[in-house]
Amino acid sequence: MQPRMGGIIQANIPDKETLYQSYMPYVVGGGLFIPSKQAVKLGDEVFVLTTLPEQSQKIPLTGKVIWISQKQNGIKPQGFGMQLSGEKGVYFKTEAEKILAGFKAEGRYSYTM
């Protein structure tokens, strides 16, 4: 799978709150919202380097764009959601779900739905 032309997108996830807002557990294989002003289209292949809370190791993720938020609208930033793929996608999904286990969603919002 080749990433979309346009380079590597970097997305730091510094804490559980940001991970909760960005992670898309309802997407088959896991999904991740990336705040970005980079122009993408649905179905584009993307390559993202990201981190998880309390980890310094960068995780290289590939996947397809499945969600686009064109403009920032107060609560939700501009960016896109990607469906994770490959071994690193499985790793990210597993780690994200471990980190978020028991995290109370009440009163919190996500960047997507």
Protein backbone atom coordinates (compact mmCIF):
# COMPACT_ATOMS: atom_id res chain seq x y z
CA MET A 1 0.00 0.00 0.00
CA GLN A 2 1.49 3.29 -1.07
CA PRO A 3 0.75 6.44 0.93
CA ARG A 4 -0.89 9.35 -0.81
CA MET A 5 1.48 11.81 -2.39
CA GLY A 6 1.95 14.84 -0.20
CA GLY A 7 4.30 13.52 2.42
CA ILE A 8 4.12 12.34 5.96
CA ILE A 9 1.58 13.82 8.34
CA GLN A 10 2.59 14.00 12.00
CA ALA A 11 0.01 13.78 14.78
CA ASN A 12 1.01 13.86 18.42
CA ILE A 13 -1.52 12.46 20.92
CA PRO A 14 -0.26 13.85 24.24
CA ASP A 15 -2.96 12.62 26.65
CA LYS A 16 -5.97 10.34 27.18
CA GLU A 17 -8.43 13.17 26.48
CA THR A 18 -6.94 13.80 23.03
CA LEU A 19 -6.81 10.05 22.34
CA TYR A 20 -10.49 9.74 23.31
CA GLN A 21 -11.41 12.64 21.02
CA SER A 22 -9.36 11.25 18.11
CA TYR A 23 -9.83 7.47 18.26
CA MET A 24 -12.70 6.02 16.21
CA PRO A 25 -13.54 2.60 17.78
CA TYR A 26 -16.64 2.12 15.60
CA VAL A 27 -14.48 1.84 12.44
CA VAL A 28 -13.64 -1.72 11.38
CA GLY A 29 -9.96 -2.22 12.27
CA GLY A 30 -9.92 1.07 14.20
CA GLY A 31 -9.87 4.63 13.00
CA LEU A 32 -8.10 7.83 13.92
CA PHE A 33 -9.05 11.46 13.40
CA ILE A 34 -6.09 13.62 12.36
CA PRO A 35 -6.39 17.40 12.84
CA SER A 36 -4.92 18.74 9.61
CA LYS A 37 -5.38 21.42 6.98
CA GLN A 38 -3.88 19.15 4.32
CA ALA A 39 -6.25 18.65 1.40
CA VAL A 40 -7.36 15.03 1.19
CA LYS A 41 -10.20 13.20 -0.55
CA LEU A 42 -12.29 10.26 0.58
CA GLY A 43 -10.47 7.05 -0.29
CA ASP A 44 -7.00 8.65 -0.38
CA GLU A 45 -4.20 6.55 1.10
CA VAL A 46 -2.37 8.44 3.86
CA PHE A 47 0.75 7.91 5.95
CA VAL A 48 0.74 9.32 9.48
CA LEU A 49 3.40 9.27 12.18
CA THR A 50 1.78 9.45 15.58
CA THR A 51 2.46 8.86 19.25
CA LEU A 52 0.32 7.51 22.07
CA PRO A 53 0.01 9.17 25.50
CA GLU A 54 3.05 8.68 27.71
CA GLN A 55 4.99 7.06 24.86
CA SER A 56 7.73 8.73 22.84
CA GLN A 57 7.94 6.09 20.12
CA LYS A 58 6.46 7.26 16.81
CA ILE A 59 4.06 4.79 15.24
CA PRO A 60 3.89 4.78 11.43
CA LEU A 61 0.26 4.31 10.37
CA THR A 62 -1.21 3.81 6.93
CA GLY A 63 -4.84 3.82 5.97
CA LYS A 64 -7.63 5.29 3.88
CA VAL A 65 -9.41 8.58 4.42
CA ILE A 66 -12.99 7.81 5.49
CA TRP A 67 -14.08 11.09 7.13
CA ILE A 68 -13.41 14.73 6.29
CA SER A 69 -14.16 17.75 8.44
CA GLN A 70 -13.63 20.69 6.08
CA LYS A 71 -13.72 23.58 8.55
CA GLN A 72 -13.10 24.11 12.20
CA ASN A 73 -16.45 24.78 13.87
CA GLY A 74 -15.69 25.65 17.48
CA ILE A 75 -15.53 22.20 19.08
CA LYS A 76 -14.49 20.06 16.12
CA PRO A 77 -11.21 20.87 14.34
CA GLN A 78 -10.56 20.69 10.62
CA GLY A 79 -9.05 17.37 9.59
CA PHE A 80 -9.78 13.85 8.44
CA GLY A 81 -10.48 10.39 9.79
CA MET A 82 -8.54 7.41 8.56
CA GLN A 83 -9.31 3.69 8.72
CA LEU A 84 -6.20 1.99 10.09
CA SER A 85 -4.58 -0.85 8.18
CA GLY A 86 -1.61 -3.18 8.46
CA GLU A 87 0.26 -4.52 11.48
CA LYS A 88 0.92 -1.06 12.92
CA GLY A 89 -2.79 -0.29 12.65
CA VAL A 90 -3.60 -3.41 14.69
CA TYR A 91 -0.92 -2.42 17.22
CA PHE A 92 -2.28 1.15 17.51
CA LYS A 93 -5.88 -0.08 17.91
CA THR A 94 -4.89 -2.54 20.65
CA GLU A 95 -2.80 0.01 22.55
CA ALA A 96 -5.40 2.78 22.22
CA GLU A 97 -8.13 0.51 23.57
CA LYS A 98 -5.93 -0.52 26.52
CA ILE A 99 -5.24 3.13 27.36
CA LEU A 100 -8.92 4.09 27.08
CA ALA A 101 -10.25 1.10 29.05
CA GLY A 102 -12.28 2.50 31.93
CA PHE A 103 -11.97 6.10 30.68
CA LYS A 104 -15.30 7.78 31.37
CA ALA A 105 -16.92 9.14 28.22
CA GLU A 106 -19.69 10.97 30.04
CA GLY A 107 -19.61 14.69 29.31
CA ARG A 108 -16.82 14.32 26.74
CA TYR A 109 -17.03 14.85 23.01
CA SER A 110 -15.08 13.42 20.11
CA TYR A 111 -13.73 15.09 17.01
CA THR A 112 -16.04 13.02 14.80
CA MET A 113 -19.39 11.67 16.03
